[in-house]
C-alpha atoms as a PDB file:
ATOM      1  CA  MET A   1      46.856  65.964  47.022  1.00  0.00           C
ATOM      2  CA  ASN A   2      43.862  64.116  47.117  1.00  0.00           C
ATOM      3  CA  ASP A   3      42.297  61.845  49.403  1.00  0.00           C
ATOM      4  CA  THR A   4      41.588  58.447  48.285  1.00  0.00           C
ATOM      5  CA  LYS A   5      39.668  55.199  48.443  1.00  0.00           C
ATOM      6  CA  ILE A   6      42.637  52.920  48.082  1.00  0.00           C
ATOM      7  CA  GLU A   7      42.647  50.830  50.738  1.00  0.00           C
ATOM      8  CA  TRP A   8      46.359  51.122  51.707  1.00  0.00           C
ATOM      9  CA  CYS A   9      47.008  54.730  51.578  1.00  0.00           C
ATOM     10  CA  ASP A  10      45.381  57.770  52.966  1.00  0.00           C
ATOM     11  CA  MET A  11      46.330  60.193  50.028  1.00  0.00           C
ATOM     12  CA  THR A  12      47.402  60.215  46.455  1.00  0.00           C
ATOM     13  CA  TRP A  13      49.607  62.992  44.752  1.00  0.00           C
ATOM     14  CA  ASN A  14      50.577  62.824  41.299  1.00  0.00           C
ATOM     15  CA  PRO A  15      53.356  65.750  40.427  1.00  0.00           C
ATOM     16  CA  VAL A  16      53.472  62.926  36.945  1.00  0.00           C
ATOM     17  CA  THR A  17      50.846  61.723  35.056  1.00  0.00           C
ATOM     18  CA  GLY A  18      50.810  59.429  32.024  1.00  0.00           C
ATOM     19  CA  CYS A  19      52.496  56.284  31.247  1.00  0.00           C
ATOM     20  CA  LEU A  20      53.560  54.556  28.116  1.00  0.00           C
ATOM     21  CA  HIS A  21      53.369  50.739  29.274  1.00  0.00           C
ATOM     22  CA  GLY A  22      49.940  50.257  27.507  1.00  0.00           C
ATOM     23  CA  CYS A  23      48.506  47.609  29.860  1.00  0.00           C
ATOM     24  CA  GLU A  24      45.141  46.538  28.818  1.00  0.00           C
ATOM     25  CA  TYR A  25      43.522  46.606  32.421  1.00  0.00           C
ATOM     26  CA  CYS A  26      44.651  49.931  33.276  1.00  0.00           C
ATOM     27  CA  TYR A  27      42.078  52.156  35.367  1.00  0.00           C
ATOM     28  CA  ALA A  28      44.613  55.258  35.344  1.00  0.00           C
ATOM     29  CA  LYS A  29      44.118  55.609  31.696  1.00  0.00           C
ATOM     30  CA  LYS A  30      40.794  55.486  31.760  1.00  0.00           C
ATOM     31  CA  VAL A  31      40.633  58.012  34.405  1.00  0.00           C
ATOM     32  CA  ALA A  32      42.973  60.718  32.696  1.00  0.00           C
ATOM     33  CA  HIS A  33      40.877  60.679  29.310  1.00  0.00           C
ATOM     34  CA  ARG A  34      37.636  60.949  31.592  1.00  0.00           C
ATOM     35  CA  PHE A  35      39.324  64.382  32.327  1.00  0.00           C
ATOM     36  CA  ASP A  36      40.913  64.914  29.064  1.00  0.00           C
ATOM     37  CA  GLY A  37      41.310  68.516  28.516  1.00  0.00           C
ATOM     38  CA  LYS A  38      41.790  67.602  24.450  1.00  0.00           C
ATOM     39  CA  VAL A  39      44.660  70.037  24.685  1.00  0.00           C
ATOM     40  CA  PHE A  40      47.397  69.341  22.006  1.00  0.00           C
ATOM     41  CA  ASP A  41      50.847  70.608  22.567  1.00  0.00           C
ATOM     42  CA  THR A  42      52.330  71.294  19.154  1.00  0.00           C
ATOM     43  CA  SER A  43      55.782  71.037  20.897  1.00  0.00           C
ATOM     44  CA  PRO A  44      56.265  68.411  23.190  1.00  0.00           C
ATOM     45  CA  LEU A  45      59.860  67.519  24.719  1.00  0.00           C
ATOM     46  CA  PRO A  46      61.174  64.205  22.777  1.00  0.00           C
ATOM     47  CA  GLY A  47      59.960  61.120  23.496  1.00  0.00           C
ATOM     48  CA  GLY A  48      56.280  62.901  23.427  1.00  0.00           C
ATOM     49  CA  LEU A  49      56.498  64.487  27.052  1.00  0.00           C
ATOM     50  CA  HIS A  50      55.143  67.492  28.864  1.00  0.00           C
ATOM     51  CA  VAL A  51      55.876  70.001  31.510  1.00  0.00           C
ATOM     52  CA  LEU A  52      53.482  72.029  33.131  1.00  0.00           C
ATOM     53  CA  GLU A  53      55.351  74.870  35.040  1.00  0.00           C
ATOM     54  CA  ASP A  54      51.681  76.210  36.469  1.00  0.00           C
ATOM     55  CA  ARG A  55      48.557  74.992  37.083  1.00  0.00           C
ATOM     56  CA  PRO A  56      46.320  74.989  33.926  1.00  0.00           C
ATOM     57  CA  PRO A  57      43.107  76.788  33.687  1.00  0.00           C
ATOM     58  CA  TRP A  58      41.717  73.829  32.205  1.00  0.00           C
ATOM     59  CA  PRO A  59      40.949  69.910  33.006  1.00  0.00           C
ATOM     60  CA  PRO A  60      43.713  68.397  34.944  1.00  0.00           C
ATOM     61  CA  TYR A  61      45.035  65.799  32.261  1.00  0.00           C
ATOM     62  CA  PRO A  62      45.384  67.900  29.609  1.00  0.00           C
ATOM     63  CA  TYR A  63      47.483  65.958  27.439  1.00  0.00           C
ATOM     64  CA  GLY A  64      45.382  62.581  28.159  1.00  0.00           C
ATOM     65  CA  PHE A  65      47.599  59.965  29.185  1.00  0.00           C
ATOM     66  CA  ALA A  66      50.875  60.968  27.704  1.00  0.00           C
ATOM     67  CA  PRO A  67      53.375  61.587  30.481  1.00  0.00           C
ATOM     68  CA  THR A  68      53.558  64.814  31.918  1.00  0.00           C
ATOM     69  CA  PHE A  69      54.963  66.294  34.896  1.00  0.00           C
ATOM     70  CA  HIS A  70      53.339  68.756  36.749  1.00  0.00           C
ATOM     71  CA  ARG A  71      55.604  70.919  38.319  1.00  0.00           C
ATOM     72  CA  TYR A  72      53.802  73.065  40.423  1.00  0.00           C
ATOM     73  CA  ARG A  73      52.510  70.333  42.764  1.00  0.00           C
ATOM     74  CA  LEU A  74      55.884  69.648  44.129  1.00  0.00           C
ATOM     75  CA  GLY A  75      55.124  71.500  46.722  1.00  0.00           C
ATOM     76  CA  ASP A  76      51.927  69.665  47.742  1.00  0.00           C
ATOM     77  CA  PRO A  77      53.506  67.459  50.514  1.00  0.00           C
ATOM     78  CA  ALA A  78      55.119  70.105  52.605  1.00  0.00           C
ATOM     79  CA  SER A  79      51.529  71.975  52.879  1.00  0.00           C
ATOM     80  CA  LYS A  80      50.399  69.028  55.119  1.00  0.00           C
ATOM     81  CA  THR A  81      51.728  69.288  58.531  1.00  0.00           C
ATOM     82  CA  LYS A  82      49.793  66.032  59.801  1.00  0.00           C
ATOM     83  CA  GLY A  83      51.824  63.028  58.670  1.00  0.00           C
ATOM     84  CA  LYS A  84      50.153  60.716  55.921  1.00  0.00           C
ATOM     85  CA  THR A  85      50.963  57.570  54.204  1.00  0.00           C
ATOM     86  CA  ILE A  86      51.050  58.928  50.531  1.00  0.00           C
ATOM     87  CA  PHE A  87      51.248  56.873  47.257  1.00  0.00           C
ATOM     88  CA  VAL A  88      52.963  58.831  44.709  1.00  0.00           C
ATOM     89  CA  CYS A  89      52.180  59.076  41.291  1.00  0.00           C
ATOM     90  CA  SER A  90      49.055  56.925  41.160  1.00  0.00           C
ATOM     91  CA  MET A  91      48.420  57.947  37.904  1.00  0.00           C
ATOM     92  CA  ALA A  92      51.831  57.469  36.343  1.00  0.00           C
ATOM     93  CA  ASP A  93      54.409  55.514  36.586  1.00  0.00           C
ATOM     94  CA  LEU A  94      57.149  57.784  37.975  1.00  0.00           C
ATOM     95  CA  PHE A  95      60.248  55.327  37.285  1.00  0.00           C
ATOM     96  CA  GLY A  96      58.934  54.089  33.491  1.00  0.00           C
ATOM     97  CA  SER A  97      62.026  53.877  31.444  1.00  0.00           C
ATOM     98  CA  TRP A  98      60.707  57.373  29.692  1.00  0.00           C
ATOM     99  CA  VAL A  99      60.762  59.266  32.679  1.00  0.00           C
ATOM    100  CA  PRO A 100      63.682  61.914  32.760  1.00  0.00           C
ATOM    101  CA  THR A 101      66.017  61.270  35.888  1.00  0.00           C
ATOM    102  CA  LYS A 102      65.894  64.975  36.569  1.00  0.00           C
ATOM    103  CA  TRP A 103      61.697  64.506  37.141  1.00  0.00           C
ATOM    104  CA  ILE A 104      62.275  61.692  39.429  1.00  0.00           C
ATOM    105  CA  VAL A 105      64.831  63.709  41.592  1.00  0.00           C
ATOM    106  CA  ASP A 106      62.768  66.677  41.724  1.00  0.00           C
ATOM    107  CA  VAL A 107      59.866  64.435  43.229  1.00  0.00           C
ATOM    108  CA  LEU A 108      61.927  62.567  45.289  1.00  0.00           C
ATOM    109  CA  ASP A 109      63.309  65.687  46.722  1.00  0.00           C
ATOM    110  CA  ALA A 110      59.905  67.144  47.152  1.00  0.00           C
ATOM    111  CA  CYS A 111      59.266  64.320  49.445  1.00  0.00           C
ATOM    112  CA  LEU A 112      62.419  64.386  51.836  1.00  0.00           C
ATOM    113  CA  ALA A 113      61.576  67.847  52.345  1.00  0.00           C
ATOM    114  CA  ALA A 114      58.307  66.571  53.968  1.00  0.00           C
ATOM    115  CA  PRO A 115      59.738  63.924  56.163  1.00  0.00           C
ATOM    116  CA  GLN A 116      56.461  64.076  58.430  1.00  0.00           C
ATOM    117  CA  HIS A 117      54.804  61.879  55.798  1.00  0.00           C
ATOM    118  CA  ARG A 118      55.184  58.046  54.684  1.00  0.00           C
ATOM    119  CA  TYR A 119      55.594  57.340  50.666  1.00  0.00           C
ATOM    120  CA  LEU A 120      54.773  54.421  48.809  1.00  0.00           C
ATOM    121  CA  PHE A 121      56.082  54.319  45.250  1.00  0.00           C
ATOM    122  CA  LEU A 122      54.556  51.348  42.577  1.00  0.00           C
ATOM    123  CA  THR A 123      56.532  50.542  38.983  1.00  0.00           C
ATOM    124  CA  LYS A 124      56.920  48.039  36.209  1.00  0.00           C
ATOM    125  CA  ASN A 125      60.194  48.996  35.901  1.00  0.00           C
ATOM    126  CA  PRO A 126      61.997  48.229  39.289  1.00  0.00           C
ATOM    127  CA  LYS A 127      65.161  47.890  37.962  1.00  0.00           C
ATOM    128  CA  ARG A 128      65.199  51.768  37.867  1.00  0.00           C
ATOM    129  CA  TYR A 129      65.007  51.667  41.891  1.00  0.00           C
ATOM    130  CA  LEU A 130      68.511  49.934  41.803  1.00  0.00           C
ATOM    131  CA  GLU A 131      69.865  51.683  38.926  1.00  0.00           C
ATOM    132  CA  LEU A 132      69.294  55.637  41.098  1.00  0.00           C
ATOM    133  CA  ASP A 133      70.487  53.423  44.724  1.00  0.00           C
ATOM    134  CA  GLU A 134      73.858  53.063  42.542  1.00  0.00           C
ATOM    135  CA  MET A 135      73.999  56.469  41.430  1.00  0.00           C
ATOM    136  CA  ALA A 136      73.399  57.577  45.182  1.00  0.00           C
ATOM    137  CA  LEU A 137      69.545  59.305  44.176  1.00  0.00           C
ATOM    138  CA  LEU A 138      67.365  56.893  45.969  1.00  0.00           C
ATOM    139  CA  PRO A 139      66.330  57.909  49.205  1.00  0.00           C
ATOM    140  CA  LEU A 140      67.014  55.164  52.044  1.00  0.00           C
ATOM    141  CA  GLN A 141      64.784  56.340  54.646  1.00  0.00           C
ATOM    142  CA  GLY A 142      62.665  54.134  56.609  1.00  0.00           C
ATOM    143  CA  ASN A 143      59.336  56.583  55.226  1.00  0.00           C
ATOM    144  CA  PHE A 144      60.198  55.771  51.295  1.00  0.00           C
ATOM    145  CA  TRP A 145      58.696  52.016  50.253  1.00  0.00           C
ATOM    146  CA  TYR A 146      59.584  50.898  46.895  1.00  0.00           C
ATOM    147  CA  GLY A 147      57.225  48.841  45.279  1.00  0.00           C
ATOM    148  CA  SER A 148      56.943  46.506  42.523  1.00  0.00           C
ATOM    149  CA  THR A 149      53.709  45.882  40.512  1.00  0.00           C
ATOM    150  CA  VAL A 150      53.659  42.036  39.720  1.00  0.00           C
ATOM    151  CA  THR A 151      50.937  40.578  37.903  1.00  0.00           C
ATOM    152  CA  SER A 152      52.203  37.463  36.930  1.00  0.00           C
ATOM    153  CA  PRO A 153      55.502  35.447  37.234  1.00  0.00           C
ATOM    154  CA  SER A 154      55.528  34.764  34.060  1.00  0.00           C
ATOM    155  CA  THR A 155      55.958  38.812  32.428  1.00  0.00           C
ATOM    156  CA  ASP A 156      57.097  40.648  35.774  1.00  0.00           C
ATOM    157  CA  TYR A 157      59.649  40.913  37.912  1.00  0.00           C
ATOM    158  CA  PHE A 158      60.354  42.770  41.313  1.00  0.00           C
ATOM    159  CA  THR A 159      63.204  44.267  42.982  1.00  0.00           C
ATOM    160  CA  TRP A 160      64.461  43.465  46.567  1.00  0.00           C
ATOM    161  CA  SER A 161      66.732  45.179  48.780  1.00  0.00           C
ATOM    162  CA  TYR A 162      68.542  45.182  52.295  1.00  0.00           C
ATOM    163  CA  THR A 163      69.028  48.543  52.337  1.00  0.00           C
ATOM    164  CA  PHE A 164      65.510  50.270  51.422  1.00  0.00           C
ATOM    165  CA  ASN A 165      62.213  48.754  52.091  1.00  0.00           C
ATOM    166  CA  THR A 166      60.969  47.146  49.237  1.00  0.00           C
ATOM    167  CA  PHE A 167      57.218  45.538  48.596  1.00  0.00           C
ATOM    168  CA  ALA A 168      55.234  43.640  46.095  1.00  0.00           C
ATOM    169  CA  SER A 169      51.829  44.860  45.162  1.00  0.00           C
ATOM    170  CA  ILE A 170      50.239  41.844  42.824  1.00  0.00           C
ATOM    171  CA  GLU A 171      47.192  43.222  41.407  1.00  0.00           C
ATOM    172  CA  PRO A 172      45.540  42.422  39.349  1.00  0.00           C
ATOM    173  CA  LEU A 173      46.597  38.866  40.182  1.00  0.00           C
ATOM    174  CA  LEU A 174      46.048  37.594  36.621  1.00  0.00           C
ATOM    175  CA  GLU A 175      47.723  33.975  37.319  1.00  0.00           C
ATOM    176  CA  PRO A 176      48.599  31.190  40.208  1.00  0.00           C
ATOM    177  CA  PHE A 177      52.186  32.086  41.617  1.00  0.00           C
ATOM    178  CA  GLY A 178      53.134  28.450  42.053  1.00  0.00           C
ATOM    179  CA  ASN A 179      56.316  27.699  42.551  1.00  0.00           C
ATOM    180  CA  SER A 180      57.741  30.926  41.375  1.00  0.00           C
ATOM    181  CA  TYR A 181      59.186  32.136  44.646  1.00  0.00           C
ATOM    182  CA  SER A 182      62.956  32.796  45.215  1.00  0.00           C
ATOM    183  CA  ASP A 183      64.855  33.193  48.157  1.00  0.00           C
ATOM    184  CA  GLN A 184      65.120  36.918  47.598  1.00  0.00           C
ATOM    185  CA  THR A 185      61.360  37.310  48.001  1.00  0.00           C
ATOM    186  CA  ARG A 186      61.849  36.619  51.226  1.00  0.00           C
ATOM    187  CA  SER A 187      63.354  40.117  51.970  1.00  0.00           C
ATOM    188  CA  LEU A 188      60.131  41.613  50.582  1.00  0.00           C
ATOM    189  CA  GLY A 189      58.542  43.790  53.353  1.00  0.00           C
ATOM    190  CA  TRP A 190      55.032  43.670  52.856  1.00  0.00           C
ATOM    191  CA  VAL A 191      52.855  41.959  49.732  1.00  0.00           C
ATOM    192  CA  ILE A 192      49.875  43.552  48.457  1.00  0.00           C
ATOM    193  CA  ILE A 193      47.248  41.327  46.659  1.00  0.00           C
ATOM    194  CA  GLY A 194      44.217  42.452  44.339  1.00  0.00           C
ATOM    195  CA  ALA A 195      41.791  41.390  42.026  1.00  0.00           C
ATOM    196  CA  GLU A 196      41.131  43.059  38.600  1.00  0.00           C
ATOM    197  CA  THR A 197      38.270  45.427  38.471  1.00  0.00           C
ATOM    198  CA  GLY A 198      36.203  46.986  35.837  1.00  0.00           C
ATOM    199  CA  ASN A 199      34.317  45.400  33.217  1.00  0.00           C
ATOM    200  CA  ARG A 200      37.372  44.628  30.881  1.00  0.00           C
ATOM    201  CA  LYS A 201      36.809  41.890  28.152  1.00  0.00           C
ATOM    202  CA  GLY A 202      38.831  39.279  28.959  1.00  0.00           C
ATOM    203  CA  LYS A 203      38.759  40.183  32.758  1.00  0.00           C
ATOM    204  CA  VAL A 204      40.531  37.465  35.025  1.00  0.00           C
ATOM    205  CA  ILE A 205      38.745  36.791  38.452  1.00  0.00           C
ATOM    206  CA  PRO A 206      41.436  35.024  40.293  1.00  0.00           C
ATOM    207  CA  ASP A 207      41.044  31.701  42.100  1.00  0.00           C
ATOM    208  CA  LYS A 208      40.687  31.675  45.906  1.00  0.00           C
ATOM    209  CA  ALA A 209      43.680  29.009  46.018  1.00  0.00           C
ATOM    210  CA  TRP A 210      45.881  31.545  44.069  1.00  0.00           C
ATOM    211  CA  VAL A 211      45.198  33.988  46.808  1.00  0.00           C
ATOM    212  CA  GLN A 212      45.936  31.686  49.479  1.00  0.00           C
ATOM    213  CA  GLU A 213      48.968  30.168  48.115  1.00  0.00           C
ATOM    214  CA  ILE A 214      50.670  33.653  48.094  1.00  0.00           C
ATOM    215  CA  GLN A 215      49.237  34.135  51.539  1.00  0.00           C
ATOM    216  CA  GLU A 216      50.629  31.129  53.052  1.00  0.00           C
ATOM    217  CA  TYR A 217      54.068  32.141  51.438  1.00  0.00           C
ATOM    218  CA  CYS A 218      54.136  35.030  53.395  1.00  0.00           C
ATOM    219  CA  ARG A 219      53.179  33.425  56.278  1.00  0.00           C
ATOM    220  CA  GLU A 220      55.899  31.248  55.962  1.00  0.00           C
ATOM    221  CA  ASN A 221      58.453  34.044  55.734  1.00  0.00           C
ATOM    222  CA  ASP A 222      56.597  36.629  57.800  1.00  0.00           C
ATOM    223  CA  ILE A 223      56.046  39.103  55.281  1.00  0.00           C
ATOM    224  CA  PRO A 224      53.025  41.310  56.186  1.00  0.00           C
ATOM    225  CA  VAL A 225      49.599  40.763  53.666  1.00  0.00           C
ATOM    226  CA  PHE A 226      46.926  43.202  53.093  1.00  0.00           C
ATOM    227  CA  MET A 227      44.334  41.838  50.976  1.00  0.00           C
ATOM    228  CA  LYS A 228      42.074  44.771  48.924  1.00  0.00           C
ATOM    229  CA  ASP A 229      38.417  44.868  48.802  1.00  0.00           C
ATOM    230  CA  SER A 230      38.246  43.492  45.387  1.00  0.00           C
ATOM    231  CA  LEU A 231      38.940  40.278  46.707  1.00  0.00           C
ATOM    232  CA  ILE A 232      35.637  39.904  49.342  1.00  0.00           C
ATOM    233  CA  PRO A 233      34.044  37.924  46.924  1.00  0.00           C
ATOM    234  CA  ILE A 234      36.630  35.576  46.344  1.00  0.00           C
ATOM    235  CA  MET A 235      37.945  35.210  49.684  1.00  0.00           C
ATOM    236  CA  GLY A 236      35.004  36.514  52.209  1.00  0.00           C
ATOM    237  CA  GLU A 237      35.205  38.906  54.955  1.00  0.00           C
ATOM    238  CA  ALA A 238      36.456  36.059  57.228  1.00  0.00           C
ATOM    239  CA  GLY A 239      39.049  35.429  54.750  1.00  0.00           C
ATOM    240  CA  MET A 240      40.527  38.873  54.702  1.00  0.00           C
ATOM    241  CA  VAL A 241      43.659  40.161  55.768  1.00  0.00           C
ATOM    242  CA  ARG A 242      45.308  43.631  56.225  1.00  0.00           C
ATOM    243  CA  GLU A 243      48.245  43.868  57.343  1.00  0.00           C
ATOM    244  CA  PHE A 244      50.976  47.079  57.220  1.00  0.00           C
ATOM    245  CA  PRO A 245      54.179  46.802  57.641  1.00  0.00           C
ATOM    246  CA  TRP A 246      54.547  49.504  59.754  1.00  0.00           C
ATOM    247  CA  GLU A 247      51.985  48.862  62.020  1.00  0.00           C
ATOM    248  CA  GLY A 248      52.955  45.259  62.729  1.00  0.00           C
ATOM    249  CA  GLY A 249      49.446  43.773  62.657  1.00  0.00           C
ATOM    250  CA  CYS A 250      46.333  43.979  61.089  1.00  0.00           C
ATOM    251  CA  ARG A 251      44.135  47.141  60.738  1.00  0.00           C
ATOM    252  CA  ALA A 252      40.410  46.725  60.920  1.00  0.00           C
END
């Protein structure tokens, strides 16, 4: 587990790393390859998956951005006695369609074993939440928050629920959301908004009006909003809003 500069959590924890979505703006893939051990497993699991039972004596991403289960990290949350807000699998999509259900259950069980923390998850495959819920495998405790990454209303979707906490992370904001909201959107417990970072060719810089439009909708429906620092050049310091649903307001 590591302290993080991500503004909406205290720590990141990556028992699973790697992703197969192939998003062109992905920061995690760049990080993984920067610390790539260039170790190649001659016998990966079906689907090109990897499992590390013990902490390897090489860099943290020995298989680059290939999906890898770092089983030796499962005890990390229990080792921290002071409660933290933890972003689980910041370097992966734990709920990607390629991830074995057993991996997910093992990670969720490790979270349940350390209830002093608040756990935040993000995926571009939020239907997996509903599938796991139907199988009675998804923890419904209040310290679990299940997020959907939504960059565009034309390509992404989110999951909402009346039985477990859900939120949307609109990062990077790639186009205006216009009138794409639905009645179910009002059931979201939180919305995070951020602009694309880095220097990718074709990088999208959102208009201020796009952000204000989302903010206005959330205000009308009493949904807390958190704007990431990447929006400061667009919104200005005075226009920034940083609200947490578990705090009932803004954090300076």
